[in-house]
Amino acid sequence: MEDVQPGKMNHNGNKTGKEAVLPKSPAIQRGKDLFRQSVVNGNVTTVLGNISNWAEVVREATEALEQVIELARATLQNQGSGEGIPAQQISLTPNPALFVNLLKAPEFQQVIAALLVQLLKE
């Protein structure tokens, strides 16, 4: 066994002690190079921005679904106690103008089209 001081080279030319560095494999070096290139050209920033945008969409969708569930819960609780809207008066289209506006929304059209395609698939 050879006596090597920290920061010195051993007989193989590798650093030893606290400053020792693992040998670089071509795959690790290629990964580092790709990551560096992605940081420099802004791809990493773009990906992080996309993730942030999707996180915001998920947050908004979750809030909207919570509101829908809360409305359903309140209606169900009120029906059980005899209060609230009677079951016969609950309508999916309480306001035709509101429903028409909903039908005009491109997002709603896409959802309905996707549902229709799923329904018509064999």
N, C-alpha and C. Protein backbone atom coordinates (compact mmCIF):
# COMPACT_ATOMS: atom_id res chain seq x y z
N MET A 1 0.84 -1.18 0.00
CA MET A 1 0.00 0.00 0.00
C MET A 1 0.89 1.24 0.00
N GLU A 2 0.58 2.17 -0.87
CA GLU A 2 1.42 3.36 -0.94
C GLU A 2 0.88 4.46 -0.06
N ASP A 3 1.76 5.28 0.42
CA ASP A 3 1.39 6.40 1.28
C ASP A 3 1.13 7.60 0.39
N VAL A 4 -0.16 8.07 0.38
CA VAL A 4 -0.53 9.17 -0.49
C VAL A 4 -1.14 10.27 0.35
N GLN A 5 -0.74 11.51 0.12
CA GLN A 5 -1.28 12.64 0.85
C GLN A 5 -2.52 13.16 0.10
N PRO A 6 -3.50 13.74 0.86
CA PRO A 6 -4.69 14.30 0.20
C PRO A 6 -4.29 15.33 -0.86
N GLY A 7 -4.96 15.25 -2.00
CA GLY A 7 -4.70 16.20 -3.07
C GLY A 7 -3.54 15.80 -3.96
N LYS A 8 -2.91 14.71 -3.67
CA LYS A 8 -1.78 14.24 -4.48
C LYS A 8 -2.25 13.17 -5.45
N MET A 9 -1.42 12.85 -6.39
CA MET A 9 -1.72 11.81 -7.36
C MET A 9 -1.08 10.50 -6.91
N ASN A 10 -1.79 9.40 -7.13
CA ASN A 10 -1.19 8.09 -6.86
C ASN A 10 -0.46 7.61 -8.11
N HIS A 11 0.02 6.38 -8.09
CA HIS A 11 0.82 5.89 -9.21
C HIS A 11 0.01 5.72 -10.50
N ASN A 12 -1.34 5.68 -10.41
CA ASN A 12 -2.18 5.57 -11.60
C ASN A 12 -2.53 6.92 -12.21
N GLY A 13 -2.12 8.00 -11.56
CA GLY A 13 -2.43 9.33 -12.05
C GLY A 13 -3.78 9.85 -11.59
N ASN A 14 -4.45 9.12 -10.66
CA ASN A 14 -5.74 9.56 -10.12
C ASN A 14 -5.53 10.39 -8.87
N LYS A 15 -6.39 11.39 -8.68
CA LYS A 15 -6.31 12.18 -7.46
C LYS A 15 -6.73 11.32 -6.28
N THR A 16 -6.22 11.65 -5.15
CA THR A 16 -6.53 10.88 -3.94
C THR A 16 -6.98 11.82 -2.84
N GLY A 17 -7.47 11.26 -1.75
CA GLY A 17 -7.86 12.07 -0.60
C GLY A 17 -9.13 12.85 -0.87
N LYS A 18 -9.26 14.00 -0.22
CA LYS A 18 -10.48 14.80 -0.32
C LYS A 18 -10.73 15.32 -1.72
N GLU A 19 -9.72 15.46 -2.50
CA GLU A 19 -9.88 15.99 -3.84
C GLU A 19 -10.03 14.90 -4.89
N ALA A 20 -10.19 13.67 -4.44
CA ALA A 20 -10.32 12.57 -5.38
C ALA A 20 -11.58 12.73 -6.22
N VAL A 21 -11.49 12.39 -7.49
CA VAL A 21 -12.60 12.48 -8.41
C VAL A 21 -12.81 11.09 -9.02
N LEU A 22 -14.07 10.66 -9.09
CA LEU A 22 -14.35 9.38 -9.72
C LEU A 22 -14.00 9.46 -11.19
N PRO A 23 -13.54 8.35 -11.74
CA PRO A 23 -13.24 8.36 -13.18
C PRO A 23 -14.51 8.68 -13.97
N LYS A 24 -14.36 9.45 -15.03
CA LYS A 24 -15.51 9.84 -15.85
C LYS A 24 -15.78 8.77 -16.89
N SER A 25 -17.03 8.28 -16.89
CA SER A 25 -17.41 7.35 -17.95
C SER A 25 -17.93 8.17 -19.11
N PRO A 26 -17.86 7.63 -20.31
CA PRO A 26 -18.39 8.38 -21.47
C PRO A 26 -19.87 8.72 -21.32
N ALA A 27 -20.66 7.81 -20.71
CA ALA A 27 -22.09 8.06 -20.55
C ALA A 27 -22.33 9.21 -19.58
N ILE A 28 -21.60 9.24 -18.48
CA ILE A 28 -21.76 10.33 -17.51
C ILE A 28 -21.35 11.65 -18.13
N GLN A 29 -20.24 11.65 -18.84
CA GLN A 29 -19.78 12.88 -19.48
C GLN A 29 -20.78 13.35 -20.52
N ARG A 30 -21.35 12.43 -21.30
CA ARG A 30 -22.34 12.80 -22.32
C ARG A 30 -23.57 13.40 -21.66
N GLY A 31 -24.01 12.79 -20.52
CA GLY A 31 -25.15 13.33 -19.78
C GLY A 31 -24.89 14.73 -19.27
N LYS A 32 -23.71 14.94 -18.73
CA LYS A 32 -23.35 16.28 -18.24
C LYS A 32 -23.33 17.28 -19.38
N ASP A 33 -22.77 16.87 -20.51
CA ASP A 33 -22.70 17.76 -21.68
C ASP A 33 -24.10 18.13 -22.17
N LEU A 34 -24.99 17.13 -22.25
CA LEU A 34 -26.36 17.40 -22.68
C LEU A 34 -27.08 18.33 -21.72
N PHE A 35 -26.90 18.08 -20.42
CA PHE A 35 -27.57 18.93 -19.42
C PHE A 35 -27.03 20.36 -19.51
N ARG A 36 -25.71 20.50 -19.63
CA ARG A 36 -25.12 21.83 -19.75
C ARG A 36 -25.67 22.55 -20.97
N GLN A 37 -25.74 21.83 -22.10
CA GLN A 37 -26.27 22.42 -23.33
C GLN A 37 -27.73 22.85 -23.14
N SER A 38 -28.52 22.03 -22.45
CA SER A 38 -29.93 22.35 -22.21
C SER A 38 -30.07 23.56 -21.31
N VAL A 39 -29.18 23.70 -20.34
CA VAL A 39 -29.22 24.88 -19.47
C VAL A 39 -28.86 26.12 -20.27
N VAL A 40 -27.80 26.03 -21.07
CA VAL A 40 -27.32 27.17 -21.84
C VAL A 40 -28.34 27.62 -22.88
N ASN A 41 -28.97 26.67 -23.60
CA ASN A 41 -29.88 27.07 -24.68
C ASN A 41 -31.31 27.34 -24.19
N GLY A 42 -31.56 27.16 -22.90
CA GLY A 42 -32.86 27.52 -22.34
C GLY A 42 -33.88 26.41 -22.31
N ASN A 43 -33.52 25.21 -22.77
CA ASN A 43 -34.48 24.11 -22.77
C ASN A 43 -34.94 23.74 -21.36
N VAL A 44 -34.03 23.78 -20.41
CA VAL A 44 -34.40 23.44 -19.03
C VAL A 44 -35.40 24.46 -18.51
N THR A 45 -35.17 25.72 -18.79
CA THR A 45 -36.10 26.76 -18.36
C THR A 45 -37.47 26.56 -19.00
N THR A 46 -37.49 26.20 -20.27
CA THR A 46 -38.75 25.94 -20.96
C THR A 46 -39.50 24.78 -20.32
N VAL A 47 -38.79 23.70 -20.04
CA VAL A 47 -39.41 22.52 -19.41
C VAL A 47 -39.97 22.90 -18.03
N LEU A 48 -39.19 23.62 -17.25
CA LEU A 48 -39.67 24.02 -15.92
C LEU A 48 -40.88 24.95 -16.03
N GLY A 49 -40.89 25.81 -17.03
CA GLY A 49 -42.05 26.68 -17.27
C GLY A 49 -43.28 25.86 -17.62
N ASN A 50 -43.11 24.84 -18.46
CA ASN A 50 -44.22 23.96 -18.82
C ASN A 50 -44.75 23.22 -17.60
N ILE A 51 -43.85 22.74 -16.78
CA ILE A 51 -44.27 22.04 -15.56
C ILE A 51 -45.04 23.00 -14.66
N SER A 52 -44.57 24.21 -14.54
CA SER A 52 -45.25 25.21 -13.71
C SER A 52 -46.64 25.50 -14.26
N ASN A 53 -46.76 25.64 -15.58
CA ASN A 53 -48.06 25.90 -16.19
C ASN A 53 -49.03 24.75 -15.94
N TRP A 54 -48.55 23.51 -16.12
CA TRP A 54 -49.41 22.35 -15.88
C TRP A 54 -49.81 22.27 -14.42
N ALA A 55 -48.89 22.62 -13.52
CA ALA A 55 -49.22 22.60 -12.09
C ALA A 55 -50.34 23.60 -11.80
N GLU A 56 -50.31 24.74 -12.46
CA GLU A 56 -51.35 25.76 -12.28
C GLU A 56 -52.69 25.24 -12.82
N VAL A 57 -52.67 24.58 -13.98
CA VAL A 57 -53.89 24.01 -14.55
C VAL A 57 -54.47 22.96 -13.61
N VAL A 58 -53.61 22.11 -13.08
CA VAL A 58 -54.07 21.07 -12.14
C VAL A 58 -54.67 21.71 -10.89
N ARG A 59 -54.02 22.77 -10.38
CA ARG A 59 -54.54 23.47 -9.20
C ARG A 59 -55.92 24.05 -9.48
N GLU A 60 -56.07 24.71 -10.63
CA GLU A 60 -57.36 25.31 -10.99
C GLU A 60 -58.44 24.24 -11.19
N ALA A 61 -58.07 23.13 -11.84
CA ALA A 61 -59.03 22.04 -12.05
C ALA A 61 -59.46 21.44 -10.71
N THR A 62 -58.51 21.29 -9.80
CA THR A 62 -58.82 20.75 -8.48
C THR A 62 -59.77 21.67 -7.73
N GLU A 63 -59.52 22.96 -7.79
CA GLU A 63 -60.41 23.91 -7.13
C GLU A 63 -61.82 23.86 -7.74
N ALA A 64 -61.90 23.77 -9.06
CA ALA A 64 -63.20 23.71 -9.72
C ALA A 64 -63.94 22.43 -9.34
N LEU A 65 -63.24 21.30 -9.30
CA LEU A 65 -63.86 20.05 -8.91
C LEU A 65 -64.31 20.08 -7.45
N GLU A 66 -63.52 20.72 -6.60
CA GLU A 66 -63.93 20.87 -5.19
C GLU A 66 -65.23 21.66 -5.10
N GLN A 67 -65.37 22.70 -5.92
CA GLN A 67 -66.60 23.49 -5.91
C GLN A 67 -67.78 22.67 -6.39
N VAL A 68 -67.58 21.86 -7.44
CA VAL A 68 -68.65 21.00 -7.95
C VAL A 68 -69.08 20.01 -6.87
N ILE A 69 -68.10 19.39 -6.23
CA ILE A 69 -68.41 18.42 -5.17
C ILE A 69 -69.13 19.09 -4.01
N GLU A 70 -68.72 20.29 -3.66
CA GLU A 70 -69.37 21.01 -2.57
C GLU A 70 -70.83 21.33 -2.92
N LEU A 71 -71.08 21.74 -4.17
CA LEU A 71 -72.46 21.99 -4.61
C LEU A 71 -73.29 20.72 -4.55
N ALA A 72 -72.73 19.63 -5.02
CA ALA A 72 -73.45 18.35 -4.99
C ALA A 72 -73.72 17.92 -3.54
N ARG A 73 -72.72 18.08 -2.68
CA ARG A 73 -72.89 17.71 -1.28
C ARG A 73 -73.99 18.53 -0.62
N ALA A 74 -73.98 19.83 -0.86
CA ALA A 74 -74.99 20.70 -0.26
C ALA A 74 -76.38 20.34 -0.77
N THR A 75 -76.49 20.06 -2.07
CA THR A 75 -77.79 19.68 -2.63
C THR A 75 -78.27 18.36 -2.03
N LEU A 76 -77.37 17.39 -1.93
CA LEU A 76 -77.75 16.10 -1.35
C LEU A 76 -78.16 16.23 0.11
N GLN A 77 -77.44 17.04 0.86
CA GLN A 77 -77.78 17.24 2.27
C GLN A 77 -79.13 17.94 2.41
N ASN A 78 -79.37 18.94 1.55
CA ASN A 78 -80.64 19.67 1.62
C ASN A 78 -81.81 18.81 1.19
N GLN A 79 -81.61 17.91 0.24
CA GLN A 79 -82.69 17.01 -0.18
C GLN A 79 -83.06 16.06 0.95
N GLY A 80 -82.08 15.57 1.67
CA GLY A 80 -82.34 14.66 2.78
C GLY A 80 -83.11 15.33 3.90
N SER A 81 -82.94 16.63 4.08
CA SER A 81 -83.63 17.34 5.16
C SER A 81 -84.92 17.98 4.68
N GLY A 82 -85.24 17.82 3.40
CA GLY A 82 -86.47 18.42 2.87
C GLY A 82 -86.28 19.87 2.48
N GLU A 83 -85.06 20.38 2.61
CA GLU A 83 -84.78 21.77 2.24
C GLU A 83 -84.11 21.82 0.88
N GLY A 84 -83.93 22.98 0.37
CA GLY A 84 -83.21 23.15 -0.89
C GLY A 84 -84.12 22.92 -2.09
N ILE A 85 -83.51 22.63 -3.21
CA ILE A 85 -84.24 22.46 -4.46
C ILE A 85 -84.86 21.06 -4.49
N PRO A 86 -86.18 20.97 -4.72
CA PRO A 86 -86.79 19.64 -4.84
C PRO A 86 -86.21 18.89 -6.04
N ALA A 87 -86.10 17.58 -5.91
CA ALA A 87 -85.47 16.75 -6.94
C ALA A 87 -86.11 16.96 -8.31
N GLN A 88 -87.44 17.18 -8.37
CA GLN A 88 -88.12 17.35 -9.65
C GLN A 88 -87.68 18.65 -10.35
N GLN A 89 -87.23 19.62 -9.59
CA GLN A 89 -86.87 20.91 -10.18
C GLN A 89 -85.39 21.01 -10.56
N ILE A 90 -84.59 20.00 -10.22
CA ILE A 90 -83.18 20.04 -10.58
C ILE A 90 -83.07 19.81 -12.08
N SER A 91 -82.42 20.72 -12.77
CA SER A 91 -82.31 20.65 -14.23
C SER A 91 -80.85 20.80 -14.62
N LEU A 92 -80.47 20.09 -15.64
CA LEU A 92 -79.11 20.24 -16.14
C LEU A 92 -78.94 21.53 -16.94
N THR A 93 -80.05 22.11 -17.37
CA THR A 93 -80.00 23.36 -18.13
C THR A 93 -80.93 24.38 -17.48
N PRO A 94 -80.57 24.89 -16.31
CA PRO A 94 -81.45 25.85 -15.65
C PRO A 94 -81.58 27.16 -16.41
N ASN A 95 -80.60 27.48 -17.23
CA ASN A 95 -80.60 28.72 -17.98
C ASN A 95 -80.13 28.40 -19.41
N PRO A 96 -81.06 28.42 -20.38
CA PRO A 96 -80.67 28.09 -21.76
C PRO A 96 -79.54 28.96 -22.30
N ALA A 97 -79.52 30.23 -21.97
CA ALA A 97 -78.45 31.11 -22.46
C ALA A 97 -77.10 30.69 -21.89
N LEU A 98 -77.09 30.30 -20.63
CA LEU A 98 -75.86 29.82 -20.02
C LEU A 98 -75.36 28.56 -20.73
N PHE A 99 -76.29 27.66 -21.02
CA PHE A 99 -75.93 26.42 -21.70
C PHE A 99 -75.40 26.70 -23.11
N VAL A 100 -76.01 27.63 -23.82
CA VAL A 100 -75.54 27.99 -25.17
C VAL A 100 -74.14 28.58 -25.09
N ASN A 101 -73.90 29.45 -24.11
CA ASN A 101 -72.55 30.02 -23.95
C ASN A 101 -71.54 28.92 -23.65
N LEU A 102 -71.94 27.96 -22.85
CA LEU A 102 -71.06 26.84 -22.55
C LEU A 102 -70.75 26.05 -23.82
N LEU A 103 -71.76 25.81 -24.65
CA LEU A 103 -71.56 25.09 -25.90
C LEU A 103 -70.63 25.82 -26.86
N LYS A 104 -70.58 27.15 -26.77
CA LYS A 104 -69.73 27.94 -27.65
C LYS A 104 -68.26 27.92 -27.22
N ALA A 105 -68.00 27.55 -25.99
CA ALA A 105 -66.62 27.56 -25.49
C ALA A 105 -65.81 26.45 -26.16
N PRO A 106 -64.68 26.80 -26.80
CA PRO A 106 -63.86 25.79 -27.49
C PRO A 106 -63.44 24.64 -26.58
N GLU A 107 -63.13 24.95 -25.34
CA GLU A 107 -62.72 23.90 -24.41
C GLU A 107 -63.85 22.90 -24.18
N PHE A 108 -65.05 23.42 -24.01
CA PHE A 108 -66.21 22.55 -23.79
C PHE A 108 -66.48 21.72 -25.04
N GLN A 109 -66.34 22.33 -26.21
CA GLN A 109 -66.53 21.62 -27.47
C GLN A 109 -65.54 20.46 -27.58
N GLN A 110 -64.29 20.70 -27.17
CA GLN A 110 -63.28 19.64 -27.23
C GLN A 110 -63.63 18.50 -26.28
N VAL A 111 -64.09 18.83 -25.08
CA VAL A 111 -64.46 17.80 -24.11
C VAL A 111 -65.64 16.99 -24.63
N ILE A 112 -66.66 17.67 -25.14
CA ILE A 112 -67.84 16.98 -25.66
C ILE A 112 -67.46 16.11 -26.87
N ALA A 113 -66.61 16.63 -27.75
CA ALA A 113 -66.17 15.85 -28.91
C ALA A 113 -65.42 14.60 -28.46
N ALA A 114 -64.54 14.73 -27.47
CA ALA A 114 -63.79 13.58 -26.96
C ALA A 114 -64.74 12.55 -26.34
N LEU A 115 -65.74 13.03 -25.60
CA LEU A 115 -66.72 12.12 -25.01
C LEU A 115 -67.53 11.41 -26.09
N LEU A 116 -67.90 12.16 -27.13
CA LEU A 116 -68.67 11.58 -28.24
C LEU A 116 -67.85 10.51 -28.96
N VAL A 117 -66.58 10.79 -29.20
CA VAL A 117 -65.71 9.81 -29.85
C VAL A 117 -65.62 8.54 -28.99
N GLN A 118 -65.44 8.70 -27.68
CA GLN A 118 -65.38 7.54 -26.79
C GLN A 118 -66.69 6.75 -26.82
N LEU A 119 -67.79 7.46 -26.85
CA LEU A 119 -69.09 6.81 -26.86
C LEU A 119 -69.32 6.02 -28.15
N LEU A 120 -68.84 6.57 -29.28
CA LEU A 120 -69.09 5.95 -30.58
C LEU A 120 -68.05 4.90 -30.96
N LYS A 121 -66.99 4.76 -30.19
CA LYS A 121 -66.00 3.73 -30.48
C LYS A 121 -66.62 2.35 -30.29
N GLU A 122 -66.21 1.43 -31.12
CA GLU A 122 -66.75 0.08 -31.01
C GLU A 122 -65.96 -0.73 -30.02
